[in-house]
N, C-alpha and C. Protein backbone atom coordinates (compact mmCIF):
# COMPACT_ATOMS: atom_id res chain seq x y z
N MET A 1 0.85 -1.17 0.00
CA MET A 1 0.00 0.00 0.00
C MET A 1 0.90 1.24 0.00
N THR A 2 0.57 2.19 -0.84
CA THR A 2 1.39 3.38 -0.94
C THR A 2 0.90 4.45 0.01
N LYS A 3 1.86 5.21 0.52
CA LYS A 3 1.49 6.31 1.40
C LYS A 3 1.18 7.54 0.56
N ARG A 4 0.21 8.29 1.02
CA ARG A 4 -0.14 9.51 0.33
C ARG A 4 0.43 10.69 1.09
N SER A 5 0.94 11.63 0.36
CA SER A 5 1.49 12.82 0.99
C SER A 5 0.36 13.83 1.23
N PRO A 6 0.60 14.77 2.12
CA PRO A 6 -0.42 15.82 2.34
C PRO A 6 -0.74 16.59 1.06
N GLN A 7 0.24 16.69 0.16
CA GLN A 7 0.00 17.41 -1.09
C GLN A 7 -1.01 16.66 -1.96
N ASP A 8 -0.98 15.32 -1.92
CA ASP A 8 -1.95 14.54 -2.68
C ASP A 8 -3.37 14.82 -2.20
N SER A 9 -3.54 14.91 -0.88
CA SER A 9 -4.88 15.19 -0.36
C SER A 9 -5.30 16.60 -0.70
N ASP A 10 -4.33 17.55 -0.73
CA ASP A 10 -4.66 18.91 -1.16
C ASP A 10 -5.10 18.92 -2.62
N ASP A 11 -4.37 18.17 -3.45
CA ASP A 11 -4.74 18.10 -4.86
C ASP A 11 -6.12 17.47 -5.02
N LEU A 12 -6.39 16.46 -4.23
CA LEU A 12 -7.69 15.80 -4.29
C LEU A 12 -8.79 16.77 -3.88
N ALA A 13 -8.54 17.55 -2.84
CA ALA A 13 -9.53 18.53 -2.40
C ALA A 13 -9.73 19.60 -3.47
N GLU A 14 -8.65 20.07 -4.07
CA GLU A 14 -8.77 21.08 -5.13
C GLU A 14 -9.51 20.54 -6.34
N ARG A 15 -9.20 19.30 -6.71
CA ARG A 15 -9.92 18.70 -7.85
C ARG A 15 -11.38 18.52 -7.54
N GLY A 16 -11.69 18.11 -6.30
CA GLY A 16 -13.09 17.96 -5.91
C GLY A 16 -13.83 19.29 -5.93
N LEU A 17 -13.17 20.33 -5.44
CA LEU A 17 -13.77 21.67 -5.46
C LEU A 17 -13.97 22.14 -6.90
N ARG A 18 -12.99 21.94 -7.75
CA ARG A 18 -13.10 22.35 -9.15
C ARG A 18 -14.25 21.59 -9.84
N TYR A 19 -14.33 20.29 -9.60
CA TYR A 19 -15.39 19.48 -10.20
C TYR A 19 -16.76 19.95 -9.73
N THR A 20 -16.88 20.24 -8.44
CA THR A 20 -18.16 20.70 -7.89
C THR A 20 -18.55 22.04 -8.50
N ARG A 21 -17.60 22.94 -8.63
CA ARG A 21 -17.89 24.23 -9.26
C ARG A 21 -18.34 24.06 -10.70
N GLU A 22 -17.65 23.20 -11.44
CA GLU A 22 -18.02 22.96 -12.83
C GLU A 22 -19.43 22.40 -12.93
N GLN A 23 -19.75 21.45 -12.08
CA GLN A 23 -21.09 20.86 -12.10
C GLN A 23 -22.15 21.89 -11.73
N PHE A 24 -21.86 22.70 -10.72
CA PHE A 24 -22.81 23.73 -10.31
C PHE A 24 -23.02 24.75 -11.43
N ASP A 25 -21.93 25.16 -12.09
CA ASP A 25 -22.06 26.10 -13.20
C ASP A 25 -22.87 25.50 -14.34
N GLU A 26 -22.65 24.23 -14.63
CA GLU A 26 -23.41 23.57 -15.69
C GLU A 26 -24.90 23.53 -15.35
N ILE A 27 -25.23 23.19 -14.12
CA ILE A 27 -26.64 23.16 -13.70
C ILE A 27 -27.24 24.56 -13.76
N ARG A 28 -26.47 25.55 -13.35
CA ARG A 28 -26.96 26.93 -13.39
C ARG A 28 -27.23 27.38 -14.82
N HIS A 29 -26.32 27.04 -15.74
CA HIS A 29 -26.52 27.41 -17.14
C HIS A 29 -27.74 26.70 -17.73
N GLN A 30 -27.90 25.42 -17.41
CA GLN A 30 -29.07 24.69 -17.90
C GLN A 30 -30.36 25.30 -17.37
N THR A 31 -30.34 25.69 -16.09
CA THR A 31 -31.53 26.32 -15.50
C THR A 31 -31.83 27.65 -16.17
N GLU A 32 -30.80 28.45 -16.38
CA GLU A 32 -31.01 29.74 -17.05
C GLU A 32 -31.58 29.55 -18.45
N ASP A 33 -31.05 28.57 -19.19
CA ASP A 33 -31.57 28.30 -20.53
C ASP A 33 -33.03 27.87 -20.48
N TYR A 34 -33.35 27.01 -19.53
CA TYR A 34 -34.73 26.53 -19.42
C TYR A 34 -35.68 27.68 -19.08
N VAL A 35 -35.26 28.56 -18.17
CA VAL A 35 -36.11 29.68 -17.78
C VAL A 35 -36.29 30.64 -18.96
N ARG A 36 -35.26 30.85 -19.75
CA ARG A 36 -35.39 31.72 -20.92
C ARG A 36 -36.32 31.10 -21.97
N GLU A 37 -36.30 29.79 -22.10
CA GLU A 37 -37.14 29.12 -23.09
C GLU A 37 -38.59 28.99 -22.62
N ASN A 38 -38.83 28.82 -21.31
CA ASN A 38 -40.16 28.60 -20.76
C ASN A 38 -40.40 29.51 -19.55
N PRO A 39 -40.55 30.81 -19.76
CA PRO A 39 -40.68 31.70 -18.61
C PRO A 39 -41.97 31.50 -17.81
N ALA A 40 -43.09 31.28 -18.48
CA ALA A 40 -44.36 31.12 -17.77
C ALA A 40 -44.35 29.84 -16.93
N GLN A 41 -43.89 28.77 -17.51
CA GLN A 41 -43.84 27.50 -16.80
C GLN A 41 -42.86 27.59 -15.62
N SER A 42 -41.75 28.29 -15.81
CA SER A 42 -40.78 28.46 -14.74
C SER A 42 -41.37 29.26 -13.59
N LEU A 43 -42.13 30.32 -13.91
CA LEU A 43 -42.80 31.09 -12.86
C LEU A 43 -43.79 30.24 -12.09
N PHE A 44 -44.53 29.41 -12.81
CA PHE A 44 -45.49 28.53 -12.15
C PHE A 44 -44.78 27.56 -11.21
N TYR A 45 -43.68 26.95 -11.69
CA TYR A 45 -42.92 26.02 -10.84
C TYR A 45 -42.37 26.73 -9.61
N ALA A 46 -41.86 27.94 -9.78
CA ALA A 46 -41.33 28.70 -8.66
C ALA A 46 -42.43 29.03 -7.65
N PHE A 47 -43.61 29.39 -8.16
CA PHE A 47 -44.74 29.70 -7.29
C PHE A 47 -45.15 28.47 -6.48
N VAL A 48 -45.26 27.33 -7.15
CA VAL A 48 -45.66 26.09 -6.47
C VAL A 48 -44.60 25.68 -5.44
N ALA A 49 -43.34 25.79 -5.80
CA ALA A 49 -42.27 25.43 -4.86
C ALA A 49 -42.31 26.35 -3.64
N GLY A 50 -42.52 27.64 -3.87
CA GLY A 50 -42.61 28.58 -2.75
C GLY A 50 -43.81 28.30 -1.86
N LEU A 51 -44.93 27.97 -2.49
CA LEU A 51 -46.14 27.64 -1.72
C LEU A 51 -45.92 26.40 -0.86
N ILE A 52 -45.31 25.39 -1.43
CA ILE A 52 -45.05 24.15 -0.69
C ILE A 52 -44.09 24.42 0.46
N LEU A 53 -43.01 25.16 0.19
CA LEU A 53 -42.04 25.46 1.25
C LEU A 53 -42.66 26.33 2.34
N ASN A 54 -43.57 27.20 1.95
CA ASN A 54 -44.24 28.06 2.93
C ASN A 54 -45.17 27.25 3.84
N ARG A 55 -45.77 26.22 3.30
CA ARG A 55 -46.73 25.43 4.07
C ARG A 55 -46.06 24.38 4.95
N LEU A 56 -44.81 24.06 4.68
CA LEU A 56 -44.12 23.06 5.49
C LEU A 56 -43.85 23.62 6.89
N PRO A 57 -44.01 22.79 7.90
CA PRO A 57 -43.77 23.25 9.28
C PRO A 57 -42.28 23.22 9.65
N VAL A 58 -41.48 23.95 8.90
CA VAL A 58 -40.03 23.92 9.11
C VAL A 58 -39.67 24.41 10.52
N GLY A 59 -40.32 25.47 10.97
CA GLY A 59 -40.03 26.00 12.30
C GLY A 59 -40.34 25.01 13.40
N ARG A 60 -41.47 24.33 13.26
CA ARG A 60 -41.83 23.34 14.29
C ARG A 60 -40.90 22.14 14.26
N VAL A 61 -40.49 21.73 13.07
CA VAL A 61 -39.58 20.59 12.96
C VAL A 61 -38.24 20.94 13.60
N LEU A 62 -37.69 22.12 13.26
CA LEU A 62 -36.41 22.53 13.85
C LEU A 62 -36.53 22.72 15.36
N GLY A 63 -37.65 23.27 15.81
CA GLY A 63 -37.87 23.42 17.25
C GLY A 63 -37.92 22.07 17.96
N GLY A 64 -38.58 21.10 17.34
CA GLY A 64 -38.64 19.76 17.91
C GLY A 64 -37.28 19.10 17.98
N VAL A 65 -36.49 19.27 16.93
CA VAL A 65 -35.14 18.71 16.93
C VAL A 65 -34.29 19.36 18.02
N PHE A 66 -34.42 20.67 18.19
CA PHE A 66 -33.67 21.36 19.23
C PHE A 66 -34.08 20.88 20.62
N ARG A 67 -35.39 20.76 20.86
CA ARG A 67 -35.85 20.28 22.17
C ARG A 67 -35.37 18.86 22.43
N LEU A 68 -35.39 18.02 21.41
CA LEU A 68 -34.90 16.65 21.56
C LEU A 68 -33.41 16.64 21.88
N ALA A 69 -32.64 17.50 21.22
CA ALA A 69 -31.20 17.56 21.48
C ALA A 69 -30.93 18.02 22.91
N VAL A 70 -31.66 19.03 23.37
CA VAL A 70 -31.47 19.51 24.74
C VAL A 70 -31.87 18.42 25.73
N PHE A 71 -32.96 17.71 25.44
CA PHE A 71 -33.44 16.64 26.31
C PHE A 71 -32.41 15.52 26.40
N ALA A 72 -31.75 15.20 25.27
CA ALA A 72 -30.76 14.11 25.25
C ALA A 72 -29.40 14.57 25.77
N PHE A 73 -29.16 15.87 25.79
CA PHE A 73 -27.85 16.40 26.20
C PHE A 73 -27.59 16.19 27.68
N LYS A 74 -28.61 16.36 28.51
CA LYS A 74 -28.44 16.23 29.96
C LYS A 74 -28.01 14.82 30.37
N PRO A 75 -28.69 13.77 29.91
CA PRO A 75 -28.20 12.42 30.27
C PRO A 75 -26.83 12.11 29.67
N ALA A 76 -26.54 12.67 28.50
CA ALA A 76 -25.23 12.42 27.89
C ALA A 76 -24.12 13.02 28.74
N ILE A 77 -24.34 14.20 29.28
CA ILE A 77 -23.34 14.82 30.16
C ILE A 77 -23.20 14.01 31.44
N LEU A 78 -24.30 13.51 31.98
CA LEU A 78 -24.26 12.70 33.18
C LEU A 78 -23.46 11.42 32.94
N ILE A 79 -23.69 10.76 31.83
CA ILE A 79 -22.96 9.53 31.50
C ILE A 79 -21.49 9.83 31.28
N TYR A 80 -21.19 10.93 30.61
CA TYR A 80 -19.80 11.32 30.38
C TYR A 80 -19.08 11.58 31.70
N GLY A 81 -19.73 12.29 32.60
CA GLY A 81 -19.14 12.56 33.90
C GLY A 81 -18.93 11.30 34.71
N ALA A 82 -19.91 10.39 34.67
CA ALA A 82 -19.77 9.13 35.40
C ALA A 82 -18.63 8.31 34.85
N THR A 83 -18.46 8.31 33.53
CA THR A 83 -17.36 7.57 32.92
C THR A 83 -16.01 8.15 33.32
N LYS A 84 -15.91 9.47 33.32
CA LYS A 84 -14.66 10.11 33.75
C LYS A 84 -14.36 9.80 35.21
N LEU A 85 -15.37 9.82 36.06
CA LEU A 85 -15.19 9.52 37.47
C LEU A 85 -14.75 8.07 37.65
N TYR A 86 -15.35 7.15 36.91
CA TYR A 86 -14.99 5.74 36.98
C TYR A 86 -13.53 5.55 36.56
N ARG A 87 -13.13 6.20 35.48
CA ARG A 87 -11.74 6.08 35.02
C ARG A 87 -10.77 6.65 36.05
N ALA A 88 -11.13 7.76 36.66
CA ALA A 88 -10.25 8.37 37.67
C ALA A 88 -10.10 7.44 38.88
N VAL A 89 -11.18 6.79 39.31
CA VAL A 89 -11.09 5.86 40.43
C VAL A 89 -10.27 4.63 40.03
N GLU A 90 -10.45 4.15 38.81
CA GLU A 90 -9.68 2.98 38.36
C GLU A 90 -8.19 3.30 38.29
N GLU A 91 -7.82 4.48 37.84
CA GLU A 91 -6.41 4.86 37.77
C GLU A 91 -5.81 5.04 39.16
N GLU A 92 -6.63 5.47 40.11
CA GLU A 92 -6.15 5.69 41.46
C GLU A 92 -5.82 4.38 42.17
N GLU A 93 -6.56 3.34 41.85
CA GLU A 93 -6.35 2.03 42.52
C GLU A 93 -5.21 1.29 41.98
């Protein structure tokens, strides 16, 4: 197995970023062309997408996720503290 140098990973990251930019630009150009060819249909699609996104309970979903995270955070801290205490007692003995 060959070792990879940090420069290889930098090159990989740069190539990935370049590829992503190229793909995004291509999608953007295709979208612009479609909107220029079908402006009325594009407006209708945008209106429907906006209406759907407006009706979704995004705020309630994010609020629920936040409450769940806070609810789960307290026992996680308790377990973490108990584990640290157990390790400290084991090292002391």
